Protein backbone atom coordinates (compact mmCIF):
# COMPACT_ATOMS: atom_id res chain seq x y z
CA MET A 1 -3.32 40.01 -88.11
CA PRO A 2 -4.35 42.62 -86.14
CA LEU A 3 -6.90 41.88 -83.62
CA PRO A 4 -10.68 43.04 -84.16
CA LEU A 5 -12.13 45.58 -83.08
CA ILE A 6 -15.57 44.45 -82.40
CA GLY A 7 -18.47 47.52 -80.80
CA LEU A 8 -21.41 46.66 -79.11
CA THR A 9 -24.38 48.61 -78.36
CA ILE A 10 -25.06 49.52 -74.41
CA SER A 11 -27.88 49.46 -72.20
CA ARG A 12 -28.76 52.54 -70.01
CA SER A 13 -30.27 52.35 -66.79
CA THR A 14 -30.85 54.85 -63.13
CA ASP A 15 -28.64 53.07 -60.15
CA ASP A 16 -30.76 53.33 -56.58
CA VAL A 17 -28.75 56.95 -56.07
CA SER A 18 -30.19 57.94 -59.05
CA THR A 19 -26.96 58.02 -60.87
CA THR A 20 -27.90 57.35 -64.95
CA GLN A 21 -25.26 54.54 -65.67
CA LEU A 22 -25.00 53.30 -70.00
CA SER A 23 -23.70 49.57 -69.66
CA ILE A 24 -24.08 46.13 -70.87
CA PRO A 25 -23.73 42.30 -69.18
CA GLU A 26 -19.85 41.40 -69.27
CA ALA A 27 -21.17 37.62 -71.36
CA TYR A 28 -21.25 40.08 -74.84
CA ALA A 29 -17.44 41.58 -74.54
CA GLN A 30 -16.52 38.57 -73.16
CA ALA A 31 -16.96 36.11 -76.23
CA ILE A 32 -16.27 38.24 -78.16
CA ALA A 33 -12.69 38.40 -76.84
CA LYS A 34 -12.57 35.06 -76.60
CA ALA A 35 -13.57 34.59 -79.76
CA GLY A 36 -9.95 36.68 -80.74
CA GLY A 37 -11.88 39.72 -80.69
CA VAL A 38 -11.70 43.38 -78.86
CA PRO A 39 -14.75 44.71 -77.49
CA ILE A 40 -15.60 48.39 -78.10
CA LEU A 41 -18.36 50.09 -76.20
CA ILE A 42 -20.29 52.36 -78.20
CA PRO A 43 -21.91 54.94 -75.46
CA LEU A 44 -25.34 56.36 -75.90
CA GLY A 45 -25.93 60.12 -76.48
CA LEU A 46 -23.78 60.60 -79.36
CA THR A 47 -24.17 62.25 -82.37
CA GLU A 48 -24.81 60.39 -85.84
CA ASP A 49 -21.54 62.43 -86.99
CA ALA A 50 -19.54 61.08 -83.95
CA LEU A 51 -21.64 57.35 -84.72
CA GLN A 52 -20.15 57.41 -87.92
CA ARG A 53 -16.08 58.45 -87.22
CA ILE A 54 -16.09 54.81 -84.45
CA ILE A 55 -17.69 53.31 -87.60
CA THR A 56 -14.48 54.41 -90.29
CA ARG A 57 -12.73 52.50 -87.20
CA LEU A 58 -15.08 49.31 -86.22
CA ASP A 59 -14.65 46.36 -88.22
CA GLY A 60 -18.03 44.97 -87.11
CA ILE A 61 -20.73 45.56 -84.85
CA LEU A 62 -22.80 43.62 -81.79
CA PHE A 63 -26.49 44.92 -81.83
CA THR A 64 -26.61 43.18 -77.71
CA GLY A 65 -30.15 42.26 -75.94
CA GLY A 66 -31.60 44.89 -73.70
CA GLY A 67 -34.58 46.81 -73.21
CA ASP A 68 -37.82 47.03 -75.70
CA ILE A 69 -38.00 49.49 -78.50
CA HIS A 70 -40.55 51.86 -78.35
CA PRO A 71 -43.50 50.32 -80.28
CA GLU A 72 -43.36 53.84 -82.50
CA ARG A 73 -40.52 52.47 -84.84
CA TYR A 74 -43.02 50.01 -86.11
CA GLY A 75 -46.09 51.29 -86.06
CA GLY A 76 -47.23 50.08 -82.86
CA THR A 77 -48.60 50.49 -79.50
CA MET A 78 -47.38 51.73 -76.35
CA THR A 79 -48.48 48.76 -73.32
CA ASN A 80 -47.71 47.53 -69.99
CA GLN A 81 -45.98 45.07 -71.56
CA CYS A 82 -43.45 47.16 -73.10
CA GLN A 83 -39.92 47.23 -70.80
CA SER A 84 -37.46 49.37 -70.08
CA VAL A 85 -37.49 51.55 -73.32
CA ASP A 86 -35.22 53.98 -74.06
CA ALA A 87 -35.98 56.35 -78.06
CA ASP A 88 -32.11 57.75 -77.45
CA ARG A 89 -30.76 53.95 -77.63
CA ASP A 90 -33.30 52.91 -80.68
CA ARG A 91 -31.51 55.68 -82.76
CA ILE A 92 -28.45 54.84 -82.14
CA GLU A 93 -29.04 51.83 -82.84
CA ILE A 94 -31.08 52.34 -86.07
CA PHE A 95 -27.99 54.51 -87.55
CA LEU A 96 -25.06 52.12 -87.11
CA LEU A 97 -26.78 49.55 -88.28
CA ARG A 98 -28.04 51.25 -91.84
CA GLN A 99 -24.32 52.46 -91.42
CA ILE A 100 -22.36 49.23 -90.82
CA ILE A 101 -24.28 47.43 -94.46
CA GLN A 102 -23.30 50.33 -95.97
CA ALA A 103 -19.95 50.65 -95.29
CA PRO A 104 -20.86 47.19 -95.31
CA LYS A 105 -19.12 45.59 -92.63
CA PRO A 106 -20.52 42.01 -90.70
CA PHE A 107 -23.19 42.51 -88.18
CA LEU A 108 -24.05 39.80 -85.60
CA GLY A 109 -27.29 40.47 -82.67
CA ILE A 110 -28.82 39.54 -80.33
CA CYS A 111 -32.20 39.95 -78.36
CA ARG A 112 -33.31 43.17 -78.87
CA GLY A 113 -30.54 42.98 -81.16
CA CYS A 114 -32.52 41.06 -83.98
CA HIS A 115 -35.31 42.80 -83.47
CA ILE A 116 -33.28 46.34 -84.01
CA ILE A 117 -31.97 44.59 -87.32
CA ASN A 118 -35.56 43.65 -88.51
CA VAL A 119 -37.14 47.01 -86.86
CA GLY A 120 -34.34 48.87 -88.65
CA LEU A 121 -34.74 47.53 -92.48
CA GLY A 122 -38.69 48.34 -91.89
CA GLY A 123 -39.88 44.75 -90.41
CA THR A 124 -42.57 44.52 -87.08
CA LEU A 125 -42.59 42.79 -83.54
CA TYR A 126 -45.39 41.26 -81.52
CA THR A 127 -45.40 43.83 -78.86
CA ASP A 128 -45.91 40.60 -76.38
CA ILE A 129 -45.27 37.01 -77.85
CA SER A 130 -47.73 35.83 -75.29
CA THR A 131 -50.70 39.04 -75.47
CA ASP A 132 -50.25 38.71 -78.93
CA GLN A 133 -50.33 34.85 -79.76
CA PRO A 134 -51.91 32.95 -76.49
CA LYS A 135 -51.27 29.57 -77.95
CA SER A 136 -47.62 30.26 -78.84
CA GLN A 137 -45.65 27.99 -75.93
CA GLU A 138 -43.72 30.31 -72.92
CA HIS A 139 -40.30 32.49 -74.32
CA ARG A 140 -39.54 34.46 -71.03
CA ARG A 141 -37.05 31.98 -68.99
CA SER A 142 -35.68 31.93 -65.96
CA ARG A 143 -32.19 31.39 -66.45
CA ARG A 144 -29.56 32.62 -69.71
CA ASP A 145 -27.86 29.53 -68.71
CA MET A 146 -30.34 26.48 -69.30
CA PHE A 147 -31.54 25.02 -71.92
CA ALA A 148 -35.19 26.05 -73.05
CA HIS A 149 -36.13 24.32 -76.30
CA PRO A 150 -35.03 24.13 -79.46
CA VAL A 151 -34.29 25.82 -83.01
CA LYS A 152 -35.09 23.60 -86.49
CA ILE A 153 -32.59 26.35 -88.43
CA LYS A 154 -32.56 26.73 -92.76
CA GLY A 155 -30.26 24.68 -94.49
CA GLY A 156 -28.58 26.41 -96.67
CA SER A 157 -28.24 29.27 -94.70
CA GLN A 158 -24.95 31.31 -93.64
CA LEU A 159 -26.17 29.64 -89.87
CA ALA A 160 -26.42 26.75 -90.51
CA GLN A 161 -22.97 27.33 -92.29
CA VAL A 162 -21.84 28.51 -88.91
CA ILE A 163 -23.08 26.51 -86.34
CA GLY A 164 -23.88 23.00 -88.82
CA ALA A 165 -25.72 21.49 -87.69
CA GLU A 166 -30.37 21.97 -89.11
CA GLU A 167 -31.37 21.77 -85.04
CA ILE A 168 -30.00 23.02 -81.61
CA GLY A 169 -31.45 23.62 -78.08
CA VAL A 170 -31.06 27.33 -76.95
CA ASN A 171 -32.58 29.01 -74.53
CA SER A 172 -35.01 31.58 -74.60
CA ARG A 173 -34.77 35.38 -72.68
CA HIS A 174 -38.11 37.53 -74.81
CA HIS A 175 -41.58 38.04 -74.60
CA GLN A 176 -41.31 40.17 -77.55
CA ALA A 177 -40.30 38.13 -81.49
CA ILE A 178 -40.74 39.52 -85.23
CA GLN A 179 -44.22 39.57 -86.49
CA LYS A 180 -43.64 40.97 -90.03
CA LEU A 181 -39.91 40.57 -91.56
CA ALA A 182 -38.32 43.56 -93.63
CA ALA A 183 -37.89 43.08 -97.06
CA GLY A 184 -34.22 41.99 -97.61
CA LEU A 185 -34.44 39.47 -94.94
CA THR A 186 -34.22 35.90 -94.44
CA ALA A 187 -36.14 33.73 -91.57
CA VAL A 188 -33.22 30.82 -91.32
CA ALA A 189 -34.00 29.05 -87.48
CA PHE A 190 -37.97 28.71 -86.42
CA ALA A 191 -38.86 27.42 -82.68
CA PRO A 192 -40.74 25.06 -82.02
CA ASP A 193 -44.68 26.84 -82.31
CA GLY A 194 -42.93 28.59 -85.68
CA ILE A 195 -41.41 31.83 -84.22
CA ILE A 196 -38.71 33.49 -85.82
CA GLU A 197 -35.48 32.42 -84.36
CA ALA A 198 -32.69 33.96 -86.18
CA ILE A 199 -32.29 36.04 -89.22
CA GLU A 200 -30.16 36.95 -92.37
CA LEU A 201 -29.17 39.15 -94.51
CA PRO A 202 -28.39 36.56 -97.65
CA SER A 203 -27.38 39.43 -100.25
CA TYR A 204 -24.89 40.88 -98.16
CA ALA A 205 -21.63 40.37 -100.08
CA GLY A 206 -20.97 37.73 -97.64
CA LEU A 207 -20.06 39.28 -95.51
CA PHE A 208 -21.75 38.40 -91.41
CA GLY A 209 -25.36 39.29 -91.07
CA LEU A 210 -26.74 37.64 -88.70
CA GLY A 211 -29.61 38.38 -85.47
CA VAL A 212 -30.20 35.32 -83.23
CA GLN A 213 -33.14 35.54 -80.85
CA TRP A 214 -31.00 34.07 -78.21
CA HIS A 215 -28.59 34.11 -75.55
CA PRO A 216 -25.37 32.55 -77.37
CA GLU A 217 -22.72 34.76 -75.53
CA ASP A 218 -24.22 32.99 -72.02
CA MET A 219 -23.74 29.50 -73.36
CA LEU A 220 -19.83 29.36 -74.52
CA GLU A 221 -19.61 25.85 -72.94
CA TYR A 222 -21.78 24.54 -76.14
CA LYS A 223 -19.70 24.34 -79.19
CA PRO A 224 -22.88 26.27 -81.92
CA GLU A 225 -22.18 29.12 -79.35
CA ARG A 226 -18.73 29.71 -80.14
CA ASP A 227 -18.94 28.46 -83.28
CA LEU A 228 -20.91 31.72 -84.01
CA PHE A 229 -19.35 34.11 -82.12
CA ARG A 230 -15.97 32.74 -84.69
CA ALA A 231 -17.92 32.61 -87.82
CA PHE A 232 -18.47 37.34 -87.30
CA ILE A 233 -14.89 37.49 -86.00
CA GLN A 234 -13.67 36.16 -88.76
CA THR A 235 -15.36 38.34 -90.80
CA ALA A 236 -14.22 40.74 -88.86
CA ARG A 237 -10.11 39.98 -89.06
CA ASP A 238 -10.98 39.29 -93.36
CA ILE A 239 -12.12 42.76 -93.63
CA SER A 240 -9.18 44.54 -91.16
CA PHE A 241 -6.37 42.75 -92.39
């Protein structure tokens, strides 16, 4: 059985000699590889025609974490809290999301990737949780390899079936969160303060269509996080066979 090809979205940055870099943290690629997939990085700056040709060759897409989505994408206002905004990345990821759903093929969003799924389908975000929801708990922690808080998972959801539990501990590295959920999406996990921690596309023809707010790629020593990637890759493998 062939190994499924998984496209990974990436970030743009500038190094200390002003050279533009396109990259992702290695943990994303390793998580896909360990689950049985082949990670393929999708460059920024491509035309929609080029992206469409890439999609036809992929078996799934992982929307990775990174900088903030430009607030204009969801009717928000740019503030000093907005970080590493890249309009080209927003354009590419929203195009990829809409095309992969039309294909249809499985997808997984992590942190920013969870946000792009919601915004790309018409939802909105809190531009900054501490500003917009001052009574919420702290969601921005310095370490990705430690539990920050529990999340409760909706029983009967795809996520609950994949993970095999209705509550798990997660890490937390975000200052934005879903505000208004896009039509067609379902919120399936919540932090103790009510912040949405996972979403899914329940009508997605039995395919894998999930977004999580935490970073499972940094906690693969825990079975629920490994199971999340394994289920994603298994769905991609099934459609590639």
